[in-house]
Amino acid sequence: MAGVLTGAAVAYARLYYHGPEETESLLSTTEQISYLGILLISAAVGGQFGLMPDILEPAKNGNWRHRKFFHSYTLLAMLAWFTYQTETNPELHDMVQHFFTVAAAGYLSHLLLDSRTPAGLPWI
């Protein structure tokens, strides 16, 4: 659920922050998918990527100590760095930048919520 909300919130913030010229570019790319459509798709992408850490490293037999690399601070930092590199690369298409950022935000929201649990996150 957090990934869905994060995906929609990041999409809204990104579209709002970048202004009408980039929003028009993004909308024209998708053959005039509505603003609401982009928010809904972004929510779905954020939600799916918010589940990704537990898909990659599922808890087995009720063992909550399943967190390894895909639930680590190292991956969190790497993903944040890749997101920054994606957002600041002018050669990437607006749609690629938008959905990579939304997907990364969904994944990061999962890690940030897991970091607040008693088990926490491993460093590596």
N, C-alpha and C. Protein backbone atom coordinates (compact mmCIF):
# COMPACT_ATOMS: atom_id res chain seq x y z
N MET A 1 0.82 -1.20 0.00
CA MET A 1 0.00 0.00 0.00
C MET A 1 0.87 1.26 0.00
N ALA A 2 1.96 1.20 0.75
CA ALA A 2 2.83 2.38 0.81
C ALA A 2 3.41 2.69 -0.57
N GLY A 3 3.73 1.64 -1.34
CA GLY A 3 4.29 1.85 -2.68
C GLY A 3 3.29 2.51 -3.60
N VAL A 4 2.01 2.16 -3.48
CA VAL A 4 0.97 2.77 -4.32
C VAL A 4 0.87 4.26 -4.01
N LEU A 5 0.80 4.58 -2.72
CA LEU A 5 0.72 5.99 -2.33
C LEU A 5 1.98 6.74 -2.73
N THR A 6 3.12 6.10 -2.55
CA THR A 6 4.39 6.74 -2.92
C THR A 6 4.45 6.97 -4.42
N GLY A 7 4.05 5.98 -5.21
CA GLY A 7 4.07 6.13 -6.67
C GLY A 7 3.20 7.28 -7.13
N ALA A 8 1.99 7.37 -6.59
CA ALA A 8 1.09 8.47 -6.97
C ALA A 8 1.63 9.81 -6.49
N ALA A 9 2.16 9.85 -5.27
CA ALA A 9 2.68 11.11 -4.73
C ALA A 9 3.90 11.60 -5.50
N VAL A 10 4.79 10.67 -5.84
CA VAL A 10 5.98 11.05 -6.61
C VAL A 10 5.59 11.52 -8.00
N ALA A 11 4.63 10.82 -8.62
CA ALA A 11 4.18 11.24 -9.94
C ALA A 11 3.59 12.64 -9.89
N TYR A 12 2.73 12.89 -8.91
CA TYR A 12 2.12 14.21 -8.78
C TYR A 12 3.19 15.28 -8.55
N ALA A 13 4.10 15.01 -7.62
CA ALA A 13 5.15 15.99 -7.31
C ALA A 13 6.06 16.23 -8.51
N ARG A 14 6.40 15.15 -9.20
CA ARG A 14 7.28 15.29 -10.36
C ARG A 14 6.62 16.08 -11.47
N LEU A 15 5.35 15.78 -11.75
CA LEU A 15 4.64 16.52 -12.79
C LEU A 15 4.44 17.98 -12.39
N TYR A 16 4.17 18.22 -11.14
CA TYR A 16 3.96 19.58 -10.64
C TYR A 16 5.27 20.36 -10.66
N TYR A 17 6.36 19.73 -10.19
CA TYR A 17 7.65 20.39 -10.08
C TYR A 17 8.23 20.75 -11.46
N HIS A 18 8.11 19.85 -12.41
CA HIS A 18 8.72 20.08 -13.72
C HIS A 18 7.92 21.02 -14.60
N GLY A 19 6.74 21.33 -14.20
CA GLY A 19 5.97 22.35 -14.91
C GLY A 19 5.27 21.86 -16.16
N PRO A 20 4.53 22.77 -16.79
CA PRO A 20 3.69 22.39 -17.92
C PRO A 20 4.46 21.92 -19.15
N GLU A 21 5.66 22.45 -19.38
CA GLU A 21 6.38 22.06 -20.60
C GLU A 21 6.79 20.60 -20.57
N GLU A 22 7.29 20.11 -19.44
CA GLU A 22 7.67 18.70 -19.36
C GLU A 22 6.43 17.82 -19.26
N THR A 23 5.41 18.30 -18.57
CA THR A 23 4.17 17.54 -18.47
C THR A 23 3.58 17.34 -19.85
N GLU A 24 3.59 18.39 -20.69
CA GLU A 24 3.10 18.26 -22.06
C GLU A 24 3.93 17.26 -22.85
N SER A 25 5.25 17.27 -22.63
CA SER A 25 6.12 16.32 -23.31
C SER A 25 5.78 14.90 -22.89
N LEU A 26 5.57 14.70 -21.60
CA LEU A 26 5.22 13.39 -21.09
C LEU A 26 3.87 12.95 -21.62
N LEU A 27 2.90 13.87 -21.62
CA LEU A 27 1.57 13.53 -22.10
C LEU A 27 1.56 13.26 -23.60
N SER A 28 2.33 14.04 -24.38
CA SER A 28 2.35 13.81 -25.82
C SER A 28 3.03 12.50 -26.15
N THR A 29 3.98 12.09 -25.32
CA THR A 29 4.67 10.83 -25.53
C THR A 29 3.70 9.66 -25.42
N THR A 30 2.79 9.74 -24.52
CA THR A 30 1.86 8.64 -24.28
C THR A 30 0.58 8.83 -25.07
N GLU A 31 0.65 9.62 -26.14
CA GLU A 31 -0.50 9.88 -27.01
C GLU A 31 -1.68 10.42 -26.22
N GLN A 32 -1.36 11.42 -25.42
CA GLN A 32 -2.37 12.16 -24.66
C GLN A 32 -3.11 11.32 -23.63
N ILE A 33 -2.36 10.46 -22.94
CA ILE A 33 -2.95 9.81 -21.76
C ILE A 33 -3.23 10.93 -20.78
N SER A 34 -4.34 10.86 -20.14
CA SER A 34 -4.73 11.94 -19.23
C SER A 34 -3.78 12.01 -18.04
N TYR A 35 -3.80 13.15 -17.41
CA TYR A 35 -3.02 13.37 -16.20
C TYR A 35 -3.40 12.33 -15.15
N LEU A 36 -4.69 12.06 -15.01
CA LEU A 36 -5.17 11.05 -14.08
C LEU A 36 -4.65 9.67 -14.46
N GLY A 37 -4.60 9.40 -15.75
CA GLY A 37 -4.07 8.12 -16.21
C GLY A 37 -2.62 7.92 -15.81
N ILE A 38 -1.82 8.96 -15.95
CA ILE A 38 -0.41 8.87 -15.56
C ILE A 38 -0.30 8.64 -14.05
N LEU A 39 -1.14 9.32 -13.27
CA LEU A 39 -1.12 9.11 -11.82
C LEU A 39 -1.50 7.68 -11.46
N LEU A 40 -2.52 7.13 -12.13
CA LEU A 40 -2.95 5.76 -11.83
C LEU A 40 -1.88 4.73 -12.23
N ILE A 41 -1.29 4.92 -13.40
CA ILE A 41 -0.23 4.01 -13.84
C ILE A 41 0.97 4.12 -12.89
N SER A 42 1.29 5.34 -12.49
CA SER A 42 2.40 5.55 -11.56
C SER A 42 2.13 4.89 -10.21
N ALA A 43 0.88 4.97 -9.75
CA ALA A 43 0.52 4.32 -8.49
C ALA A 43 0.70 2.81 -8.61
N ALA A 44 0.31 2.24 -9.74
CA ALA A 44 0.46 0.80 -9.95
C ALA A 44 1.94 0.41 -10.01
N VAL A 45 2.74 1.20 -10.72
CA VAL A 45 4.18 0.91 -10.81
C VAL A 45 4.83 1.03 -9.44
N GLY A 46 4.52 2.11 -8.71
CA GLY A 46 5.06 2.29 -7.36
C GLY A 46 4.65 1.15 -6.43
N GLY A 47 3.40 0.72 -6.55
CA GLY A 47 2.92 -0.39 -5.73
C GLY A 47 3.63 -1.69 -6.03
N GLN A 48 3.84 -1.99 -7.31
CA GLN A 48 4.52 -3.22 -7.68
C GLN A 48 5.98 -3.21 -7.22
N PHE A 49 6.65 -2.08 -7.40
CA PHE A 49 8.05 -2.01 -6.98
C PHE A 49 8.17 -1.90 -5.47
N GLY A 50 7.11 -1.47 -4.79
CA GLY A 50 7.10 -1.48 -3.33
C GLY A 50 7.06 -2.90 -2.77
N LEU A 51 6.55 -3.84 -3.55
CA LEU A 51 6.52 -5.25 -3.14
C LEU A 51 7.80 -5.99 -3.52
N MET A 52 8.59 -5.42 -4.40
CA MET A 52 9.75 -6.10 -4.97
C MET A 52 10.75 -6.64 -3.94
N PRO A 53 11.10 -5.91 -2.87
CA PRO A 53 12.07 -6.48 -1.93
C PRO A 53 11.61 -7.82 -1.34
N ASP A 54 10.32 -7.94 -1.02
CA ASP A 54 9.82 -9.20 -0.46
C ASP A 54 9.63 -10.27 -1.51
N ILE A 55 9.52 -9.89 -2.77
CA ILE A 55 9.47 -10.88 -3.85
C ILE A 55 10.87 -11.44 -4.08
N LEU A 56 11.87 -10.56 -4.04
CA LEU A 56 13.26 -10.99 -4.26
C LEU A 56 13.82 -11.77 -3.08
N GLU A 57 13.40 -11.42 -1.86
CA GLU A 57 13.86 -12.10 -0.64
C GLU A 57 12.65 -12.41 0.24
N PRO A 58 11.90 -13.46 -0.09
CA PRO A 58 10.70 -13.76 0.70
C PRO A 58 11.05 -14.32 2.07
N ALA A 59 10.18 -14.03 3.04
CA ALA A 59 10.32 -14.62 4.38
C ALA A 59 9.86 -16.07 4.30
N LYS A 60 10.65 -16.97 4.84
CA LYS A 60 10.31 -18.39 4.79
C LYS A 60 10.06 -18.89 6.21
N ASN A 61 9.02 -19.65 6.37
CA ASN A 61 8.68 -20.26 7.66
C ASN A 61 8.51 -19.22 8.77
N GLY A 62 7.94 -18.08 8.45
CA GLY A 62 7.73 -17.05 9.46
C GLY A 62 9.00 -16.38 9.93
N ASN A 63 10.09 -16.59 9.22
CA ASN A 63 11.38 -16.02 9.59
C ASN A 63 11.45 -14.58 9.10
N TRP A 64 11.40 -13.62 10.00
CA TRP A 64 11.47 -12.22 9.61
C TRP A 64 12.91 -11.77 9.43
N ARG A 65 13.86 -12.64 9.68
CA ARG A 65 15.27 -12.31 9.47
C ARG A 65 15.72 -12.67 8.06
N HIS A 66 14.85 -12.46 7.09
CA HIS A 66 15.13 -12.81 5.70
C HIS A 66 15.85 -11.70 4.97
N ARG A 67 16.07 -10.61 5.62
CA ARG A 67 16.61 -9.43 4.94
C ARG A 67 18.11 -9.57 4.69
N LYS A 68 18.44 -9.51 3.41
CA LYS A 68 19.84 -9.57 3.01
C LYS A 68 20.10 -8.38 2.08
N PHE A 69 20.77 -8.59 0.97
CA PHE A 69 21.19 -7.49 0.10
C PHE A 69 20.02 -6.65 -0.41
N PHE A 70 18.93 -7.28 -0.83
CA PHE A 70 17.82 -6.53 -1.41
C PHE A 70 17.01 -5.76 -0.37
N HIS A 71 17.36 -5.94 0.90
CA HIS A 71 16.77 -5.18 2.00
C HIS A 71 17.88 -4.44 2.76
N SER A 72 18.88 -3.92 2.09
CA SER A 72 20.03 -3.34 2.80
C SER A 72 20.17 -1.84 2.56
N TYR A 73 20.90 -1.21 3.48
CA TYR A 73 21.22 0.21 3.32
C TYR A 73 22.09 0.43 2.09
N THR A 74 22.91 -0.57 1.75
CA THR A 74 23.76 -0.46 0.56
C THR A 74 22.90 -0.32 -0.69
N LEU A 75 21.89 -1.18 -0.83
CA LEU A 75 21.01 -1.10 -2.00
C LEU A 75 20.20 0.20 -1.97
N LEU A 76 19.78 0.62 -0.79
CA LEU A 76 19.04 1.88 -0.66
C LEU A 76 19.88 3.04 -1.20
N ALA A 77 21.15 3.09 -0.80
CA ALA A 77 22.04 4.16 -1.27
C ALA A 77 22.30 4.06 -2.77
N MET A 78 22.50 2.84 -3.27
CA MET A 78 22.72 2.66 -4.70
C MET A 78 21.51 3.09 -5.51
N LEU A 79 20.33 2.72 -5.05
CA LEU A 79 19.10 3.08 -5.76
C LEU A 79 18.87 4.58 -5.75
N ALA A 80 19.17 5.23 -4.63
CA ALA A 80 19.05 6.69 -4.55
C ALA A 80 20.03 7.34 -5.54
N TRP A 81 21.25 6.81 -5.63
CA TRP A 81 22.24 7.37 -6.54
C TRP A 81 21.81 7.16 -8.01
N PHE A 82 21.32 5.96 -8.34
CA PHE A 82 20.85 5.70 -9.71
C PHE A 82 19.67 6.59 -10.07
N THR A 83 18.80 6.83 -9.11
CA THR A 83 17.65 7.71 -9.36
C THR A 83 18.12 9.13 -9.66
N TYR A 84 19.09 9.59 -8.89
CA TYR A 84 19.65 10.93 -9.14
C TYR A 84 20.29 10.99 -10.53
N GLN A 85 21.04 9.96 -10.88
CA GLN A 85 21.69 9.93 -12.20
C GLN A 85 20.66 9.90 -13.32
N THR A 86 19.58 9.18 -13.13
CA THR A 86 18.52 9.12 -14.13
C THR A 86 17.83 10.46 -14.29
N GLU A 87 17.52 11.09 -13.17
CA GLU A 87 16.80 12.37 -13.21
C GLU A 87 17.65 13.50 -13.80
N THR A 88 18.95 13.44 -13.64
CA THR A 88 19.81 14.52 -14.12
C THR A 88 20.42 14.25 -15.50
N ASN A 89 20.05 13.14 -16.13
CA ASN A 89 20.58 12.81 -17.45
C ASN A 89 19.65 13.38 -18.52
N PRO A 90 20.09 14.44 -19.23
CA PRO A 90 19.22 15.06 -20.23
C PRO A 90 19.00 14.20 -21.48
N GLU A 91 19.81 13.16 -21.65
CA GLU A 91 19.67 12.30 -22.83
C GLU A 91 18.56 11.27 -22.69
N LEU A 92 18.09 11.03 -21.47
CA LEU A 92 17.03 10.05 -21.27
C LEU A 92 15.68 10.67 -21.57
N HIS A 93 14.81 9.87 -22.10
CA HIS A 93 13.46 10.33 -22.43
C HIS A 93 12.69 10.64 -21.14
N ASP A 94 11.80 11.61 -21.18
CA ASP A 94 11.00 12.00 -20.01
C ASP A 94 10.26 10.82 -19.40
N MET A 95 9.71 9.97 -20.25
CA MET A 95 8.95 8.82 -19.76
C MET A 95 9.84 7.86 -18.98
N VAL A 96 11.06 7.62 -19.46
CA VAL A 96 12.00 6.74 -18.76
C VAL A 96 12.35 7.35 -17.41
N GLN A 97 12.67 8.63 -17.39
CA GLN A 97 12.99 9.30 -16.13
C GLN A 97 11.82 9.21 -15.16
N HIS A 98 10.63 9.49 -15.64
CA HIS A 98 9.45 9.51 -14.78
C HIS A 98 9.21 8.14 -14.14
N PHE A 99 9.13 7.09 -14.95
CA PHE A 99 8.78 5.79 -14.39
C PHE A 99 9.92 5.14 -13.63
N PHE A 100 11.16 5.44 -13.96
CA PHE A 100 12.27 4.94 -13.14
C PHE A 100 12.20 5.56 -11.75
N THR A 101 11.93 6.86 -11.71
CA THR A 101 11.84 7.55 -10.42
C THR A 101 10.67 7.02 -9.60
N VAL A 102 9.54 6.80 -10.23
CA VAL A 102 8.37 6.27 -9.52
C VAL A 102 8.66 4.86 -9.00
N ALA A 103 9.26 4.00 -9.83
CA ALA A 103 9.58 2.64 -9.41
C ALA A 103 10.58 2.65 -8.25
N ALA A 104 11.60 3.48 -8.36
CA ALA A 104 12.60 3.58 -7.29
C ALA A 104 11.97 4.09 -6.00
N ALA A 105 11.06 5.04 -6.10
CA ALA A 105 10.40 5.56 -4.91
C ALA A 105 9.57 4.48 -4.23
N GLY A 106 8.89 3.64 -5.00
CA GLY A 106 8.13 2.54 -4.42
C GLY A 106 9.04 1.57 -3.67
N TYR A 107 10.16 1.21 -4.30
CA TYR A 107 11.12 0.30 -3.68
C TYR A 107 11.71 0.93 -2.42
N LEU A 108 12.11 2.20 -2.54
CA LEU A 108 12.71 2.90 -1.39
C LEU A 108 11.72 3.03 -0.24
N SER A 109 10.44 3.24 -0.55
CA SER A 109 9.44 3.35 0.53
C SER A 109 9.38 2.05 1.33
N HIS A 110 9.49 0.92 0.65
CA HIS A 110 9.49 -0.37 1.35
C HIS A 110 10.71 -0.47 2.28
N LEU A 111 11.87 -0.11 1.76
CA LEU A 111 13.09 -0.18 2.58
C LEU A 111 13.03 0.78 3.76
N LEU A 112 12.52 1.98 3.53
CA LEU A 112 12.44 2.95 4.63
C LEU A 112 11.46 2.48 5.71
N LEU A 113 10.35 1.89 5.31
CA LEU A 113 9.41 1.35 6.30
C LEU A 113 10.02 0.15 7.03
N ASP A 114 10.72 -0.73 6.32
CA ASP A 114 11.38 -1.87 6.98
C ASP A 114 12.48 -1.41 7.93
N SER A 115 13.12 -0.32 7.63
CA SER A 115 14.21 0.16 8.51
C SER A 115 13.68 0.59 9.87
N ARG A 116 12.39 0.88 9.96
CA ARG A 116 11.79 1.32 11.22
C ARG A 116 11.30 0.15 12.08
N THR A 117 11.42 -1.08 11.59
CA THR A 117 10.99 -2.25 12.36
C THR A 117 12.11 -2.69 13.31
N PRO A 118 11.79 -3.52 14.31
CA PRO A 118 12.85 -3.99 15.22
C PRO A 118 13.98 -4.73 14.49
N ALA A 119 13.67 -5.46 13.42
CA ALA A 119 14.71 -6.18 12.67
C ALA A 119 15.62 -5.22 11.91
N GLY A 120 15.09 -4.08 11.50
CA GLY A 120 15.88 -3.10 10.78
C GLY A 120 16.37 -3.60 9.43
N LEU A 121 17.40 -2.96 8.91
CA LEU A 121 18.02 -3.35 7.64
C LEU A 121 19.49 -3.63 7.86
N PRO A 122 20.03 -4.63 7.15
CA PRO A 122 21.49 -4.86 7.24
C PRO A 122 22.23 -3.79 6.42
N TRP A 123 23.48 -3.59 6.73
CA TRP A 123 24.27 -2.63 5.97
C TRP A 123 24.60 -3.16 4.59
N ILE A 124 24.88 -4.44 4.48
CA ILE A 124 25.24 -5.04 3.18
C ILE A 124 24.33 -6.22 2.90
